[in-house]
Structure formats: structure tokens, C-alpha cells
Amino acid sequence: MARTVILGPEYDPHLLATVKKVLRQLGASVESRNWSIAGSQEIETVQAQLAGQEITIEAETYIGLSITGDELTIGEISERVRQTTQSTPT
């Protein structure tokens, strides 16, 4: 079953760097990247593969930075991101 988790604000560069780091550590590969703008909305969508599962990462104005995919995979990614951001001094 698919799950979407909003990790935080889309404009947070440290959060985005953490998500990229976690995905690299898990062995994910980027399949495609798309950026668009519509009115005041800016959306960046990245499609990645991780252990045969498709993961979608979206940074969207007013929505935040989200990841979507298999429930177990998204749970693991979001937990690792949470642990990393909590242990990193600001």
C-alpha cells in the first residue's frame, strides 16, 4: 500500500540534504527529475528506485517536502531522516 509522508518545509536546505543522504545510504537511484511552476506554486518532483520500489520525492510550495511509496520503505526513510535531523545541531 502506498504512503505519503510530509517531512517538513520544502525550503529547508538541510532537510533536503538529509533526504538525499539517506536515499544514497540506502542505495536509491534517481530515475527522473522534473521542475515546474504554476502561478505561485513551484513543484520539484524526483522519481527514484530503491530495492525495486518506486519512490517519489516532491518539494511543493505551501505543501512541503514529501515522499511517497511503499509503506514499509517510506517508514524506514522517514524514520532515518527524523533521527538524522534530531541528532544534527542547528
N, C-alpha and C. Protein backbone atom coordinates (compact mmCIF):
# COMPACT_ATOMS: atom_id res chain seq x y z
N MET A 1 0.84 -1.17 0.00
CA MET A 1 0.00 0.00 0.00
C MET A 1 0.89 1.25 0.00
N ALA A 2 0.52 2.24 -0.76
CA ALA A 2 1.30 3.47 -0.87
C ALA A 2 1.07 4.37 0.33
N ARG A 3 2.11 5.09 0.68
CA ARG A 3 2.06 6.01 1.82
C ARG A 3 2.80 7.29 1.44
N THR A 4 2.28 8.42 1.90
CA THR A 4 2.94 9.71 1.71
C THR A 4 3.22 10.31 3.08
N VAL A 5 4.44 10.80 3.25
CA VAL A 5 4.84 11.46 4.49
C VAL A 5 5.39 12.83 4.13
N ILE A 6 4.90 13.86 4.80
CA ILE A 6 5.47 15.20 4.64
C ILE A 6 6.54 15.34 5.71
N LEU A 7 7.78 15.52 5.26
CA LEU A 7 8.93 15.53 6.16
C LEU A 7 9.17 16.90 6.79
N GLY A 8 8.73 17.95 6.14
CA GLY A 8 8.95 19.30 6.65
C GLY A 8 8.80 20.31 5.54
N PRO A 9 9.29 21.54 5.78
CA PRO A 9 9.14 22.59 4.78
C PRO A 9 10.00 22.34 3.54
N GLU A 10 9.44 22.70 2.39
CA GLU A 10 10.12 22.47 1.10
C GLU A 10 11.34 23.37 0.92
N TYR A 11 11.42 24.44 1.67
CA TYR A 11 12.51 25.41 1.51
C TYR A 11 13.68 25.14 2.46
N ASP A 12 13.63 24.06 3.24
CA ASP A 12 14.69 23.75 4.21
C ASP A 12 15.84 23.00 3.52
N PRO A 13 16.97 23.67 3.26
CA PRO A 13 18.07 23.02 2.55
C PRO A 13 18.69 21.87 3.34
N HIS A 14 18.69 21.96 4.67
CA HIS A 14 19.26 20.90 5.50
C HIS A 14 18.40 19.63 5.43
N LEU A 15 17.09 19.82 5.42
CA LEU A 15 16.18 18.68 5.30
C LEU A 15 16.36 18.00 3.95
N LEU A 16 16.42 18.78 2.89
CA LEU A 16 16.60 18.21 1.55
C LEU A 16 17.93 17.46 1.46
N ALA A 17 18.99 18.01 2.02
CA ALA A 17 20.29 17.35 2.02
C ALA A 17 20.24 16.04 2.81
N THR A 18 19.50 16.04 3.91
CA THR A 18 19.36 14.82 4.72
C THR A 18 18.61 13.75 3.96
N VAL A 19 17.53 14.12 3.28
CA VAL A 19 16.76 13.14 2.49
C VAL A 19 17.66 12.54 1.41
N LYS A 20 18.42 13.37 0.71
CA LYS A 20 19.33 12.87 -0.33
C LYS A 20 20.37 11.93 0.27
N LYS A 21 20.91 12.30 1.43
CA LYS A 21 21.93 11.47 2.09
C LYS A 21 21.35 10.10 2.48
N VAL A 22 20.16 10.10 3.06
CA VAL A 22 19.51 8.85 3.47
C VAL A 22 19.25 7.96 2.26
N LEU A 23 18.75 8.55 1.17
CA LEU A 23 18.47 7.76 -0.03
C LEU A 23 19.76 7.17 -0.61
N ARG A 24 20.85 7.95 -0.60
CA ARG A 24 22.14 7.42 -1.07
C ARG A 24 22.60 6.26 -0.19
N GLN A 25 22.49 6.42 1.13
CA GLN A 25 22.90 5.38 2.07
C GLN A 25 22.13 4.08 1.85
N LEU A 26 20.86 4.21 1.48
CA LEU A 26 20.02 3.03 1.25
C LEU A 26 20.20 2.44 -0.15
N GLY A 27 20.94 3.15 -1.01
CA GLY A 27 21.22 2.64 -2.35
C GLY A 27 20.20 3.02 -3.40
N ALA A 28 19.44 4.08 -3.18
CA ALA A 28 18.44 4.51 -4.16
C ALA A 28 19.12 5.12 -5.38
N SER A 29 18.45 5.02 -6.52
CA SER A 29 18.94 5.65 -7.74
C SER A 29 17.85 6.55 -8.31
N VAL A 30 18.27 7.74 -8.75
CA VAL A 30 17.32 8.70 -9.33
C VAL A 30 17.01 8.30 -10.75
N GLU A 31 15.73 8.19 -11.07
CA GLU A 31 15.27 7.82 -12.40
C GLU A 31 14.91 9.04 -13.25
N SER A 32 14.28 10.04 -12.60
CA SER A 32 13.90 11.25 -13.33
C SER A 32 13.73 12.40 -12.35
N ARG A 33 13.81 13.61 -12.92
CA ARG A 33 13.64 14.83 -12.13
C ARG A 33 12.85 15.82 -12.98
N ASN A 34 11.86 16.47 -12.36
CA ASN A 34 11.01 17.42 -13.09
C ASN A 34 10.77 18.64 -12.20
N TRP A 35 10.85 19.82 -12.79
CA TRP A 35 10.59 21.05 -12.07
C TRP A 35 9.56 21.84 -12.86
N SER A 36 8.58 22.40 -12.15
CA SER A 36 7.58 23.22 -12.84
C SER A 36 7.10 24.33 -11.91
N ILE A 37 6.49 25.31 -12.54
CA ILE A 37 5.92 26.43 -11.79
C ILE A 37 4.56 26.74 -12.40
N ALA A 38 3.59 27.00 -11.51
CA ALA A 38 2.23 27.35 -11.94
C ALA A 38 1.71 28.40 -10.98
N GLY A 39 1.65 29.63 -11.44
CA GLY A 39 1.24 30.71 -10.55
C GLY A 39 2.26 30.87 -9.44
N SER A 40 1.81 30.78 -8.20
CA SER A 40 2.73 30.90 -7.06
C SER A 40 3.26 29.55 -6.60
N GLN A 41 2.85 28.48 -7.24
CA GLN A 41 3.28 27.13 -6.86
C GLN A 41 4.53 26.71 -7.63
N GLU A 42 5.53 26.28 -6.91
CA GLU A 42 6.72 25.70 -7.51
C GLU A 42 6.79 24.25 -7.05
N ILE A 43 6.98 23.34 -8.01
CA ILE A 43 6.98 21.91 -7.69
C ILE A 43 8.20 21.25 -8.31
N GLU A 44 8.97 20.56 -7.49
CA GLU A 44 10.06 19.73 -7.99
C GLU A 44 9.73 18.29 -7.62
N THR A 45 9.73 17.41 -8.63
CA THR A 45 9.40 16.00 -8.42
C THR A 45 10.59 15.16 -8.86
N VAL A 46 11.00 14.25 -7.97
CA VAL A 46 12.09 13.32 -8.27
C VAL A 46 11.54 11.91 -8.14
N GLN A 47 11.75 11.09 -9.17
CA GLN A 47 11.38 9.68 -9.14
C GLN A 47 12.66 8.88 -8.88
N ALA A 48 12.62 8.01 -7.89
CA ALA A 48 13.79 7.20 -7.56
C ALA A 48 13.38 5.74 -7.41
N GLN A 49 14.36 4.86 -7.52
CA GLN A 49 14.15 3.43 -7.30
C GLN A 49 14.97 3.01 -6.09
N LEU A 50 14.34 2.21 -5.22
CA LEU A 50 15.02 1.70 -4.04
C LEU A 50 14.54 0.28 -3.80
N ALA A 51 15.44 -0.67 -3.97
CA ALA A 51 15.13 -2.09 -3.75
C ALA A 51 13.89 -2.52 -4.53
N GLY A 52 13.81 -2.09 -5.79
CA GLY A 52 12.69 -2.46 -6.65
C GLY A 52 11.41 -1.68 -6.41
N GLN A 53 11.46 -0.70 -5.51
CA GLN A 53 10.29 0.11 -5.19
C GLN A 53 10.46 1.51 -5.77
N GLU A 54 9.38 2.08 -6.31
CA GLU A 54 9.42 3.45 -6.82
C GLU A 54 9.13 4.40 -5.68
N ILE A 55 9.98 5.41 -5.54
CA ILE A 55 9.84 6.43 -4.51
C ILE A 55 9.68 7.78 -5.22
N THR A 56 8.71 8.58 -4.80
CA THR A 56 8.52 9.91 -5.34
C THR A 56 8.82 10.92 -4.24
N ILE A 57 9.71 11.86 -4.54
CA ILE A 57 10.05 12.94 -3.62
C ILE A 57 9.54 14.22 -4.26
N GLU A 58 8.72 14.98 -3.53
CA GLU A 58 8.19 16.23 -4.06
C GLU A 58 8.43 17.37 -3.09
N ALA A 59 8.91 18.47 -3.65
CA ALA A 59 9.04 19.72 -2.90
C ALA A 59 8.04 20.68 -3.54
N GLU A 60 6.99 21.00 -2.81
CA GLU A 60 5.92 21.83 -3.38
C GLU A 60 5.62 23.00 -2.45
N THR A 61 5.59 24.19 -3.02
CA THR A 61 5.26 25.40 -2.27
C THR A 61 3.93 25.21 -1.54
N TYR A 62 3.89 25.60 -0.28
CA TYR A 62 2.72 25.54 0.59
C TYR A 62 2.37 24.12 1.05
N ILE A 63 3.01 23.11 0.50
CA ILE A 63 2.73 21.72 0.91
C ILE A 63 3.88 21.19 1.75
N GLY A 64 5.10 21.32 1.25
CA GLY A 64 6.27 20.85 1.97
C GLY A 64 7.06 19.84 1.16
N LEU A 65 8.00 19.20 1.82
CA LEU A 65 8.83 18.17 1.21
C LEU A 65 8.21 16.82 1.58
N SER A 66 7.76 16.09 0.58
CA SER A 66 7.08 14.82 0.85
C SER A 66 7.75 13.68 0.10
N ILE A 67 7.55 12.47 0.64
CA ILE A 67 7.99 11.25 -0.03
C ILE A 67 6.80 10.30 -0.08
N THR A 68 6.69 9.60 -1.21
CA THR A 68 5.59 8.67 -1.43
C THR A 68 6.14 7.37 -1.96
N GLY A 69 5.59 6.27 -1.50
CA GLY A 69 6.00 4.96 -1.98
C GLY A 69 5.44 3.86 -1.09
N ASP A 70 6.06 2.70 -1.18
CA ASP A 70 5.67 1.55 -0.38
C ASP A 70 5.72 1.91 1.11
N GLU A 71 4.70 1.50 1.84
CA GLU A 71 4.55 1.89 3.25
C GLU A 71 5.79 1.57 4.10
N LEU A 72 6.33 0.37 3.97
CA LEU A 72 7.50 -0.01 4.78
C LEU A 72 8.73 0.80 4.40
N THR A 73 8.93 0.99 3.11
CA THR A 73 10.09 1.74 2.62
C THR A 73 10.02 3.19 3.07
N ILE A 74 8.86 3.81 2.93
CA ILE A 74 8.67 5.20 3.33
C ILE A 74 8.82 5.34 4.84
N GLY A 75 8.34 4.36 5.58
CA GLY A 75 8.51 4.38 7.04
C GLY A 75 9.98 4.38 7.43
N GLU A 76 10.77 3.54 6.77
CA GLU A 76 12.20 3.47 7.07
C GLU A 76 12.91 4.78 6.70
N ILE A 77 12.61 5.30 5.52
CA ILE A 77 13.25 6.55 5.08
C ILE A 77 12.89 7.69 6.04
N SER A 78 11.61 7.85 6.34
CA SER A 78 11.19 8.97 7.18
C SER A 78 11.77 8.85 8.59
N GLU A 79 11.89 7.65 9.12
CA GLU A 79 12.48 7.46 10.44
C GLU A 79 13.97 7.82 10.43
N ARG A 80 14.68 7.40 9.40
CA ARG A 80 16.11 7.76 9.30
C ARG A 80 16.30 9.26 9.15
N VAL A 81 15.44 9.90 8.37
CA VAL A 81 15.52 11.35 8.22
C VAL A 81 15.25 12.02 9.57
N ARG A 82 14.22 11.56 10.28
CA ARG A 82 13.88 12.13 11.58
C ARG A 82 15.04 11.98 12.56
N GLN A 83 15.63 10.80 12.62
CA GLN A 83 16.75 10.56 13.54
C GLN A 83 17.94 11.44 13.19
N THR A 84 18.22 11.58 11.91
CA THR A 84 19.37 12.38 11.48
C THR A 84 19.15 13.86 11.78
N THR A 85 17.95 14.37 11.52
CA THR A 85 17.69 15.79 11.76
C THR A 85 17.66 16.09 13.24
N GLN A 86 17.23 15.14 14.07
CA GLN A 86 17.21 15.37 15.52
C GLN A 86 18.61 15.36 16.11
N SER A 87 19.52 14.60 15.52
CA SER A 87 20.88 14.49 16.06
C SER A 87 21.83 15.54 15.48
N THR A 88 21.37 16.30 14.48
CA THR A 88 22.20 17.32 13.86
C THR A 88 21.96 18.66 14.54
N PRO A 89 23.02 19.29 15.08
CA PRO A 89 22.82 20.60 15.70
C PRO A 89 22.46 21.66 14.66
N THR A 90 21.61 22.60 15.05
CA THR A 90 21.19 23.65 14.13
C THR A 90 22.00 24.91 14.28
